[in-house]
Amino acid sequence: MAETLAALVADLPASADFHVHLRDDDMMRTVVPTIRKGGVNTVYVMPNLVPPITTVSYASEYQKKLQSLAPDVQFLMSLYLHPSITPGTIVEAKKAGISGIKSYPAGVTTNSSSGVVDYETFYPVFAEMERQNMALNLHGECPSGEGITVHNAEEEFLPTLRTLHEKFPRLRIILEHCTTAAAIKAVQACGQTVAGTITAHHLFLTSEDWQSNNYNFCKPVAKTPQDRALLLKTAASGNPKFFLGSDSAPHSASAKEAGAAGVFTQPYVTQLVVKAFQNGIREGLLSEAEVTRALMEAFLGKSGRAFYGLPPTTERIAVLPEQSESVVDYLPIVGEDKVVPFLPGSQVASLWWP
């Protein structure tokens, strides 16, 4: 007899979140302590601070600040792909334990004004990354322009993914925060060195949700119900090419109400994935029999850890859907206003660390 979802999530390895934004200063001090509340003990940190993290020394300094706030979390660091990044930077970064390089096409999302205009200029950098076995994290969207909008920006980027994989077949590439069926199929069509992350919030949202609520607006935007259904099925498939990368991206409430892109899921990220699977079963998109312990463990951390060459975690978490708690309405930010989490006031499973 298959385990019920409630039974199989009652004892899981701690989650790993391979795409987080932890900001700096007061916002950093607010959100970093919430990482373990979401059942996570390993995070892959995005480098789009102001100014962006483009040097090994800057990344190391930032990692120390994060570690001081959450000493029981493993912070995997990345650099921001920028004209100042050279093959020599890659060698230095590898020696320092930096995990990868994040690419933002110029102007597509928060703090991306220093991003990439022409990928070919970075081919020598990618070649050294391939030699050093470092990961390339792609924000997979084209900037808006003639014929390109937020609705098709991801799909228009996919030929770039294919070209990079063809030219650098041993380079580990992650298509971050997949939102469309086309993106899922593109990752599936590539070799085993290409993977994709899926966020918790994209397992819930469609285009109508962000068009009517600024707090659901993110980049890339949520798409159609059909896209959301395939994301959910892919997350529940156990395919090792896909794993959790929440893209949790906190902004102050005033910034969100003014249109800032980003959804803050960090304090409840594991619980939200469990809730999304529960919803999928209730909607008939998934069957309880196919949601197994193995695939849940794969999506929440095992596959991502394997892709990044990390050992399995020895820490465990207990997720208790039958003992729900309410998502808080907001977290106060010292010196600012507040940060509002995804789905405030809704019910999620309780989570604790045995």
Protein backbone atom coordinates (compact mmCIF):
# COMPACT_ATOMS: atom_id res chain seq x y z
CA MET A 1 0.00 0.00 0.00
CA ALA A 2 1.34 3.44 -0.96
CA GLU A 3 2.18 5.85 1.83
CA THR A 4 -0.09 8.82 2.23
CA LEU A 5 1.48 12.21 1.60
CA ALA A 6 1.09 13.07 5.28
CA ALA A 7 2.96 9.91 6.28
CA LEU A 8 5.85 10.25 3.86
CA VAL A 9 6.64 13.90 4.72
CA ALA A 10 6.67 13.19 8.47
CA ASP A 11 10.34 12.19 8.17
CA LEU A 12 12.44 13.74 5.39
CA PRO A 13 16.02 14.85 4.86
CA ALA A 14 16.45 18.59 5.40
CA SER A 15 15.69 20.49 2.21
CA ALA A 16 18.23 22.27 0.03
CA ASP A 17 17.19 25.44 -1.82
CA PHE A 18 19.34 26.12 -4.86
CA HIS A 19 18.21 29.69 -5.61
CA VAL A 20 17.77 32.26 -2.86
CA HIS A 21 18.03 36.03 -2.56
CA LEU A 22 19.15 37.07 0.90
CA ARG A 23 19.80 40.79 0.22
CA ASP A 24 21.99 42.88 2.54
CA ASP A 25 21.79 45.11 5.61
CA ASP A 26 18.42 45.21 7.43
CA MET A 27 16.64 42.95 4.94
CA MET A 28 19.43 40.38 5.22
CA ARG A 29 19.18 40.43 9.00
CA THR A 30 15.42 39.87 8.71
CA VAL A 31 15.29 37.00 6.20
CA VAL A 32 18.42 34.91 6.83
CA PRO A 33 17.19 33.69 10.25
CA THR A 34 14.04 32.32 8.53
CA ILE A 35 15.91 29.80 6.34
CA ARG A 36 15.69 26.87 8.73
CA LYS A 37 12.06 27.69 9.56
CA GLY A 38 11.39 26.61 5.98
CA GLY A 39 13.08 23.25 6.56
CA VAL A 40 16.26 24.18 4.66
CA ASN A 41 19.89 23.73 5.73
CA THR A 42 21.66 24.45 2.41
CA VAL A 43 21.12 27.46 0.13
CA TYR A 44 22.63 28.63 -3.14
CA VAL A 45 22.97 32.40 -2.81
CA MET A 46 22.32 34.81 -5.67
CA PRO A 47 24.91 37.57 -6.26
CA ASN A 48 22.72 40.47 -7.46
CA LEU A 49 23.39 42.83 -4.58
CA VAL A 50 24.09 46.51 -5.15
CA PRO A 51 26.85 46.56 -6.28
CA PRO A 52 26.79 43.01 -7.66
CA ILE A 53 29.16 40.35 -6.30
CA THR A 54 31.84 40.15 -8.98
CA THR A 55 34.97 39.35 -6.93
CA VAL A 56 36.01 36.43 -4.77
CA SER A 57 36.79 38.72 -1.85
CA TYR A 58 33.31 40.30 -1.97
CA ALA A 59 31.66 36.85 -2.07
CA SER A 60 33.75 35.65 0.88
CA GLU A 61 32.92 38.75 2.90
CA TYR A 62 29.22 38.32 2.18
CA GLN A 63 29.33 34.63 3.08
CA LYS A 64 30.83 35.47 6.47
CA LYS A 65 28.00 37.93 7.18
CA LEU A 66 25.41 35.32 6.25
CA GLN A 67 27.12 32.62 8.30
CA SER A 68 27.17 34.84 11.37
CA LEU A 69 23.37 35.15 11.15
CA ALA A 70 22.73 31.44 10.54
CA PRO A 71 25.74 29.33 11.56
CA ASP A 72 23.82 26.07 11.03
CA VAL A 73 23.11 26.79 7.34
CA GLN A 74 25.46 25.95 4.46
CA PHE A 75 25.77 28.95 2.12
CA LEU A 76 26.90 28.13 -1.43
CA MET A 77 28.19 31.29 -3.06
CA SER A 78 28.12 32.55 -6.65
CA LEU A 79 29.56 35.43 -8.66
CA TYR A 80 27.66 37.75 -11.00
CA LEU A 81 28.60 37.37 -14.69
CA HIS A 82 30.05 40.75 -15.59
CA PRO A 83 32.71 42.11 -17.98
CA SER A 84 35.19 42.12 -15.09
CA ILE A 85 34.92 38.30 -14.77
CA THR A 86 37.85 36.63 -16.57
CA PRO A 87 39.12 33.05 -16.86
CA GLY A 88 41.55 33.97 -14.09
CA THR A 89 38.63 34.95 -11.87
CA ILE A 90 37.16 31.50 -12.43
CA VAL A 91 40.36 29.77 -11.33
CA GLU A 92 40.50 31.97 -8.22
CA ALA A 93 36.81 31.35 -7.48
CA LYS A 94 37.18 27.59 -7.75
CA LYS A 95 40.09 27.61 -5.30
CA ALA A 96 37.99 29.69 -2.88
CA GLY A 97 35.10 27.20 -2.97
CA ILE A 98 32.66 29.35 -4.93
CA SER A 99 30.08 27.14 -6.61
CA GLY A 100 29.08 28.97 -9.77
CA ILE A 101 28.45 32.06 -11.85
CA LYS A 102 25.00 33.61 -12.25
CA SER A 103 24.04 35.18 -15.55
CA TYR A 104 21.40 37.89 -15.79
CA PRO A 105 20.49 39.27 -19.22
CA ALA A 106 20.77 43.03 -18.85
CA GLY A 107 17.67 44.65 -17.41
CA VAL A 108 15.36 41.65 -17.07
CA THR A 109 14.89 41.61 -13.29
CA THR A 110 15.92 43.10 -9.94
CA ASN A 111 19.47 44.52 -9.90
CA SER A 112 20.31 43.20 -13.38
CA SER A 113 21.40 46.43 -15.05
CA SER A 114 25.02 45.18 -15.09
CA GLY A 115 24.00 41.95 -16.80
CA VAL A 116 24.90 40.22 -20.06
CA VAL A 117 24.34 41.76 -23.47
CA ASP A 118 26.36 39.30 -25.62
CA TYR A 119 27.07 35.75 -24.41
CA GLU A 120 29.77 35.13 -27.01
CA THR A 121 32.08 37.61 -25.30
CA PHE A 122 32.08 35.27 -22.28
CA TYR A 123 32.99 32.08 -24.17
CA PRO A 124 36.56 32.06 -22.74
CA VAL A 125 35.02 32.34 -19.24
CA PHE A 126 32.62 29.47 -19.95
CA ALA A 127 35.47 27.34 -21.26
CA GLU A 128 37.39 27.86 -18.00
CA MET A 129 34.24 27.13 -16.00
CA GLU A 130 33.94 23.86 -17.90
CA ARG A 131 37.56 22.99 -17.04
CA GLN A 132 37.05 23.93 -13.39
CA ASN A 133 33.68 22.12 -13.11
CA MET A 134 31.83 25.25 -12.00
CA ALA A 135 28.12 25.78 -12.63
CA LEU A 136 26.55 28.42 -14.87
CA ASN A 137 23.19 29.60 -13.51
CA LEU A 138 21.04 31.17 -16.19
CA HIS A 139 18.20 33.61 -15.65
CA GLY A 140 16.50 32.35 -18.78
CA GLU A 141 14.72 35.36 -20.24
CA CYS A 142 15.39 37.77 -23.08
CA PRO A 143 15.01 41.49 -22.34
CA SER A 144 11.69 42.97 -23.44
CA GLY A 145 11.80 44.55 -26.86
CA GLU A 146 10.41 44.10 -30.33
CA GLY A 147 8.21 41.01 -30.20
CA ILE A 148 9.36 40.05 -26.69
CA THR A 149 7.22 40.54 -23.59
CA VAL A 150 7.19 39.03 -20.11
CA HIS A 151 4.89 36.33 -21.49
CA ASN A 152 7.32 34.90 -24.08
CA ALA A 153 10.70 36.10 -22.75
CA GLU A 154 11.60 32.67 -21.35
CA GLU A 155 10.71 30.76 -24.49
CA GLU A 156 12.65 33.25 -26.62
CA PHE A 157 15.74 32.59 -24.48
CA LEU A 158 15.75 28.81 -24.97
CA PRO A 159 17.84 28.84 -28.21
CA THR A 160 20.60 30.50 -26.13
CA LEU A 161 20.46 27.60 -23.67
CA ARG A 162 20.77 25.10 -26.50
CA THR A 163 23.68 26.99 -28.10
CA LEU A 164 25.61 27.18 -24.82
CA HIS A 165 25.09 23.48 -24.18
CA GLU A 166 26.20 22.57 -27.70
CA LYS A 167 29.36 24.66 -27.45
CA PHE A 168 30.20 23.63 -23.89
CA PRO A 169 28.74 20.12 -23.47
CA ARG A 170 30.60 19.43 -20.20
CA LEU A 171 29.63 22.77 -18.61
CA ARG A 172 27.05 22.30 -15.87
CA ILE A 173 24.18 24.66 -16.70
CA ILE A 174 21.06 25.35 -14.64
CA LEU A 175 18.06 27.00 -16.27
CA GLU A 176 16.73 28.80 -13.23
CA HIS A 177 13.06 29.11 -12.22
CA CYS A 178 11.47 27.31 -15.17
CA THR A 179 7.93 28.56 -15.78
CA THR A 180 6.81 27.07 -19.09
CA ALA A 181 6.29 23.70 -20.72
CA ALA A 182 8.79 24.84 -23.35
CA ALA A 183 11.48 25.38 -20.71
CA ILE A 184 10.87 21.95 -19.16
CA LYS A 185 11.10 20.28 -22.56
CA ALA A 186 14.28 22.20 -23.42
CA VAL A 187 16.02 21.00 -20.26
CA GLN A 188 14.82 17.45 -20.86
CA ALA A 189 16.22 17.56 -24.40
CA CYS A 190 19.71 18.54 -23.22
CA GLY A 191 22.31 16.19 -21.79
CA GLN A 192 22.84 15.33 -18.15
CA THR A 193 24.97 18.44 -17.55
CA VAL A 194 21.87 20.63 -17.91
CA ALA A 195 19.30 20.92 -15.11
CA GLY A 196 16.44 23.22 -14.17
CA THR A 197 15.11 24.65 -10.93
CA ILE A 198 11.44 25.07 -10.10
CA THR A 199 10.15 27.50 -7.48
CA ALA A 200 7.49 26.85 -4.86
CA HIS A 201 5.35 29.81 -5.93
CA HIS A 202 5.20 28.77 -9.58
CA LEU A 203 3.54 25.54 -8.39
CA PHE A 204 0.61 27.74 -7.30
CA LEU A 205 0.41 30.76 -9.60
CA THR A 206 -0.89 31.49 -13.08
CA SER A 207 -0.92 34.78 -14.97
CA GLU A 208 -4.22 35.93 -13.47
CA ASP A 209 -2.74 35.74 -9.97
CA TRP A 210 0.02 38.27 -10.54
CA GLN A 211 -1.99 40.55 -12.78
CA SER A 212 -4.39 41.14 -9.89
CA ASN A 213 -1.91 41.10 -6.98
CA ASN A 214 1.51 42.80 -6.90
CA TYR A 215 2.68 40.42 -4.17
CA ASN A 216 2.49 37.56 -6.70
CA PHE A 217 4.52 39.42 -9.33
CA CYS A 218 7.95 37.97 -10.07
CA LYS A 219 10.34 37.48 -12.97
CA PRO A 220 9.84 35.30 -14.85
CA VAL A 221 6.11 35.76 -14.46
CA ALA A 222 3.76 32.84 -13.86
CA LYS A 223 2.18 31.64 -17.08
CA THR A 224 -0.83 29.49 -18.03
CA PRO A 225 -2.71 26.84 -16.02
CA GLN A 226 -1.27 24.26 -18.42
CA ASP A 227 2.28 25.44 -17.67
CA ARG A 228 1.62 25.33 -13.94
CA ALA A 229 0.23 21.78 -14.23
CA LEU A 230 3.35 20.59 -16.05
CA LEU A 231 5.64 22.25 -13.49
CA LEU A 232 3.80 20.39 -10.74
CA LYS A 233 4.01 17.08 -12.58
CA THR A 234 7.70 17.64 -13.27
CA ALA A 235 8.44 18.45 -9.62
CA ALA A 236 6.62 15.24 -8.69
CA SER A 237 8.33 13.12 -11.36
CA GLY A 238 11.58 12.35 -9.54
CA ASN A 239 13.54 13.37 -12.65
CA PRO A 240 17.01 14.28 -11.28
CA LYS A 241 17.33 17.11 -13.83
CA PHE A 242 14.80 19.19 -11.85
CA PHE A 243 15.02 20.34 -8.24
CA LEU A 244 13.97 23.08 -5.84
CA GLY A 245 15.27 26.59 -6.35
CA SER A 246 12.76 28.85 -4.62
CA ASP A 247 13.91 32.19 -6.04
CA SER A 248 12.68 33.58 -2.72
CA ALA A 249 13.13 37.30 -3.30
CA PRO A 250 12.16 39.63 -0.45
CA HIS A 251 11.23 43.26 -1.00
CA SER A 252 9.74 45.74 1.41
CA ALA A 253 5.95 46.03 1.22
CA SER A 254 6.25 49.54 -0.18
CA ALA A 255 8.52 48.29 -2.98
CA LYS A 256 6.16 45.43 -3.80
CA GLU A 257 3.19 47.75 -3.94
CA ALA A 258 5.17 49.88 -6.37
CA GLY A 259 5.73 46.88 -8.65
CA ALA A 260 9.02 45.26 -7.56
CA ALA A 261 9.49 41.74 -8.96
CA GLY A 262 9.93 38.95 -6.42
CA VAL A 263 8.01 36.57 -4.16
CA PHE A 264 9.22 35.87 -0.61
CA THR A 265 8.78 32.18 0.29
CA GLN A 266 11.86 31.43 2.45
CA PRO A 267 10.21 30.88 5.87
CA TYR A 268 7.76 28.30 4.48
CA VAL A 269 9.40 26.92 1.34
CA THR A 270 9.28 23.20 2.18
CA GLN A 271 5.78 23.54 3.60
CA LEU A 272 4.64 25.31 0.42
CA VAL A 273 5.94 22.50 -1.79
CA VAL A 274 4.04 20.00 0.34
CA LYS A 275 0.91 22.18 0.08
CA ALA A 276 1.32 22.41 -3.71
CA PHE A 277 1.50 18.62 -3.95
CA GLN A 278 -1.60 18.35 -1.74
CA ASN A 279 -3.39 20.77 -4.06
CA GLY A 280 -2.25 18.80 -7.10
CA ILE A 281 -3.68 15.60 -5.66
CA ARG A 282 -6.94 17.34 -4.77
CA GLU A 283 -7.19 18.83 -8.30
CA GLY A 284 -6.53 15.48 -9.94
CA LEU A 285 -3.23 16.63 -11.49
CA LEU A 286 -1.33 14.11 -9.36
CA SER A 287 -2.35 10.85 -7.75
CA GLU A 288 -1.38 10.13 -4.16
CA ALA A 289 0.11 6.81 -5.29
CA GLU A 290 2.64 8.50 -7.58
CA VAL A 291 3.84 11.01 -4.96
CA THR A 292 6.40 8.77 -3.28
CA ARG A 293 8.97 9.41 -0.56
CA ALA A 294 11.77 8.98 -3.11
CA LEU A 295 10.51 11.65 -5.48
CA MET A 296 9.73 14.05 -2.63
CA GLU A 297 13.29 13.65 -1.33
CA ALA A 298 14.66 14.05 -4.86
CA PHE A 299 12.94 17.36 -5.56
CA LEU A 300 13.51 18.87 -2.12
CA GLY A 301 17.24 18.29 -2.07
CA LYS A 302 18.71 14.98 -3.17
CA SER A 303 18.83 15.76 -6.90
CA GLY A 304 20.19 19.27 -6.39
CA ARG A 305 22.87 18.10 -3.98
CA ALA A 306 23.95 15.43 -6.47
CA PHE A 307 24.07 17.93 -9.35
CA TYR A 308 26.30 20.26 -7.33
CA GLY A 309 28.46 17.40 -6.04
CA LEU A 310 27.38 17.76 -2.41
CA PRO A 311 27.07 14.85 0.02
CA PRO A 312 23.64 13.82 1.32
CA THR A 313 22.52 15.66 4.42
CA THR A 314 22.32 13.85 7.73
CA GLU A 315 19.77 16.28 9.22
CA ARG A 316 16.08 15.38 9.22
CA ILE A 317 12.87 17.40 9.28
CA ALA A 318 9.27 16.53 10.11
CA VAL A 319 6.46 18.14 8.09
CA LEU A 320 3.06 17.71 9.71
CA PRO A 321 0.16 18.61 7.38
CA GLU A 322 -2.37 17.61 10.04
CA GLN A 323 -0.92 20.24 12.42
CA SER A 324 -1.25 23.38 10.34
CA GLU A 325 -0.10 26.90 11.10
CA SER A 326 -0.91 30.24 9.53
CA VAL A 327 1.56 32.05 7.29
CA VAL A 328 2.30 35.33 9.06
CA ASP A 329 0.95 38.53 7.55
CA TYR A 330 4.39 40.15 7.54
CA LEU A 331 7.85 40.25 9.09
CA PRO A 332 8.97 43.65 10.42
CA ILE A 333 12.18 45.03 8.90
CA VAL A 334 14.45 47.06 11.15
CA GLY A 335 14.72 50.53 9.68
CA GLU A 336 12.15 49.88 6.92
CA ASP A 337 8.49 48.91 6.83
CA LYS A 338 7.85 45.17 6.48
CA VAL A 339 8.26 42.18 4.17
CA VAL A 340 5.16 40.18 3.24
CA PRO A 341 5.53 36.42 2.63
CA PHE A 342 3.77 34.47 -0.08
CA LEU A 343 0.13 33.61 0.73
CA PRO A 344 -0.14 35.51 4.03
CA GLY A 345 -2.82 34.18 6.33
CA SER A 346 -3.08 30.84 4.54
CA GLN A 347 -2.59 27.49 6.25
CA VAL A 348 0.55 25.39 5.77
CA ALA A 349 1.86 22.31 7.51
CA SER A 350 3.85 22.68 10.70
CA LEU A 351 7.54 21.84 10.41
CA TRP A 352 10.06 20.95 13.08
CA TRP A 353 13.59 19.66 13.39
CA PRO A 354 13.71 16.41 15.44
